[in-house]
């Protein structure tokens, strides 16, 4: 080893200390910033509970591993041979022996400390598991095999496995440490024909090996309970016939052999002969192979497989019952009737209705949704963005409000949020990004069942949402009044903001073209003193925070502004639904999120990949995600868009998992009674939970083991038929997503806001059932499953889509599909039960092929009983399918008479100012040049249609030239308007 000078050693030590300070300093700064943030939101005790739990686990686990290792190193060192024979002057161990002897305390203490610290770091990540063990209560349900409460498997068994794992780690590390120590100091010598092993070395290593085998015996004992989550069968989760009759007895046999093997190792302490523990080890290994693997495989192959339907019937029945409880799809939650071995509700699937029957339907037909929230984001952006630093999410949301007459109305809703990523290069200064453009502005709504056409251009001009904006320019008095329309916390913002300054300073935050604003809410961390400014400057690596003179004694730093991020920090144990949505509650814009409690160890319950179950054509990149076999929508969360205040509410009083977390964090979750009536009106049944449940229903609507094993009654989730085809919607393939609608289905006395999905037969395109779950406060969570007759085939979504696309009415209108200047997009295909039959409704949007273009509703497709309607309005399409007068209930035109009591419609709610700024507003406020260009495009499209029908190639070419010229004029008019 090279010798270093004193100066070199000092420099090395200083470098090491500096490196440690840099690493630890960044962690300490991050921890301090988190502490400040938790103080801002009022949940600092959550932060302290998590930190203290982690520190306790780190210290306890580290101390346990370190002490066990230190004890064994000390024993091995103390029992070393007095005289160590050497192999000559070139003995390779001599130097190591000398160093270890001279620095025995350094090695005896340093190695266990390092190992203990590393072990503690690994163990502290399991803080949730330990806390659940300490606070978990009872489920009130016993497993069918051992009669133990489910809480044993969900709360206690994982903790026992955790303890056992760290016991194994401590014993293995101690064995290795003792082995190396004995070897270095001559207790173990490899020279000679068979080597030599000293008595102390043999005794210590034998005891450690015996302890290891005893721990393995405990592991065999616990493995019996793990069999209730066996994945041996590819059809269900749970203990199979082979597990119960071969593997479980084998675990007991192996347990006894392991105990015998452990005593054989302990006997080696007194016997010089190691043959007994060696034979015991061989016996354990052979038994593990023969009893633990070969015998179960033989039983499975020659007894179970030939008679699987009978052998597995008991296990399947247990799986059916447990899965329905765990996913909340049992008879207590699903409106069903027992029919041929399964519980569903028969639905006739009528194919003939009179115009009068349709016209008199007042629950579903008047509420058919024409606006697709997954397509119209571009339309909202182009017409209501207002400025480039505002924006809307890619997917809008659907919610419901009451009209002035008291009717339930579904709306497309969105927050006009801050999106600093859209700032131009000249705007992207640090001051603009963090101190000027600090908040969004406005709550935007559009009735989902109606549209407005541009005056003077006819029906073919396209139809637009009937917008209403509640923002600072109209004092929040749009269709849905808002007391505070400014949005500091939203889905698009991804950076921090600094608000406030010195008392009396002029406002500097952009608010309207003629006004600035100073934030006066409760959100944000005070940063007026120099120390905090230094901390945040180091945290963000931004010197401007330290030197900007506008930051004063009343300045606040607003960060972690995404609602999902805020909730994840406060309740990391919750799995959040993928869609947070805005609602106006008590005059405030609030983000509403759904939180799930989940498990993956509910005995006998079927496991499912959460990401795979919730993936669809709108979001099919979720990946497999984590595996679970229990889920509850136990928590509803709100995040105030202005103050950032987070409130968590209990929503499932029967969830033992939530009870455990309430014991860990008392006071974090408010009782269900604290949910205000207005907030209750805007709670939606979450889509991710529904998607998981519908996937489980495809198999678990069956109610007996024989039908489940045969699988002839299984269903499937249909693919999204609107992907591809003649019209594109810029989405990749995947399952059809569920849709929020207002409808009145069998068993409901009034129209209800609900989440719906069609289900097809297994690997077949025909419709098998229709499932819906209510979001109404009085019937929230009640699920209805309508099963179609099996003796007749009802067309499923894919079949209906192909039928609609191939009908002569659609194929003749080639201007929508074979037009280079216009891109058609199929909207969501809704499946709606109407008077005993199933009505399919699908909007078609057109989008001119220009960068600033946006989708406009052009046609509505309707299908019922094999008949197809294709017209510019829903009323006309219904009349085509059912006969004259059938569509009179479907009044989808904008009716200003509905906007009374000071509430304005989408063309009169202050949007005139928006139209002057955007230059793109349809209606009487639209730019004349844009309107003229749109009219020219529609005129050219009509000429092209006529030319195509006549087959005159010359006229077709001329029409195409006119269409291209009109499109260019449209683009120029939009650019000049901007």
Foldseek 3Di string as FASTA:
>chain_A
DDDDDPVVVVVVVVVVVVVVCVVVVLVVLVLVVLCLQCVLQVNNVLVVLLVVLLVVLLVVLLCVLLVLQLVLLVLLQVPFDPDADAPDPVGVLPVVLVVCVVPVVCVSRVVSNVVSNVRSNVRSVCSVLVLLLVQFDFLPDAAPPPRHTLCCFFRPLVVVVVVLVSVLVSLVSNLVSSVVSRDSRRQWAPDDDRTHHHLSSLQSNLLSVLVNLLSVLVVLVSVLLVQLQDPPDVQFGGHFLLCVPQQNVLSVVLSVLSNVLSVQSNVVSVPVDNVSNVVSVVVSVVSCPVRNPVVSVVCCPPPCVVPVLVRGFVLVLSQLVLLCVQLVPDPVFEPFPDDDQFTAHAFAADFADFLVQLLPAQFAQQFDFQDFQQAFQLVCCLQPLLDQQWGWDNGWDKWWDAFPVGDIFIKGKTARWGANVRDDPVQPDPCNLAEAAQWGWWIKIFTRQFWAAFPPQPLQLFTHTWMWIQGVVLCQFALDRANHGIFRAEARDADKHKFDADPPDAARYDGDPVDHDGADASAFRFQADQVSLVSVCVNVVNCCSNPVRRHHRRMGMHDPRYLVSVVCSSCVQWDKFPDWHWDQFPRFIKIKIWTKHFAARRRSFGKAQLQCLLAAQSHNPSPSHDITSGMDRQWMWIATRRRRHIAIEGDDPSDSRVSSVCVSPPPRYHYNVPQDPRNLSGDADGQSSVSNVVQVCQQSSRRGSSCSVVLQSGWAFAKQQQPDDLAHRPTDIGGAGWDWTFGADPPRPHTFTKIKGWIGGVVDQFTFWIKIAGSGSVRHSRMHIHGYDPVDTHGHPNRVSVLQCPDPVNVLLCLARVAPQKGKGKRGWDWGDRPSHTKTKIWIWIWTPDPSTGTGTRWMWIDGSSFIAIGSHPLRGLCRRNNPNSSPSHPRYDDQVSQDPSHGISVPNPCLVSCQSSLDDRYPSHNVQLVVLSSQLSVLSVQCSVCVVVVPPVSNVVSSVSNVVSSVSNVVSRVVSD
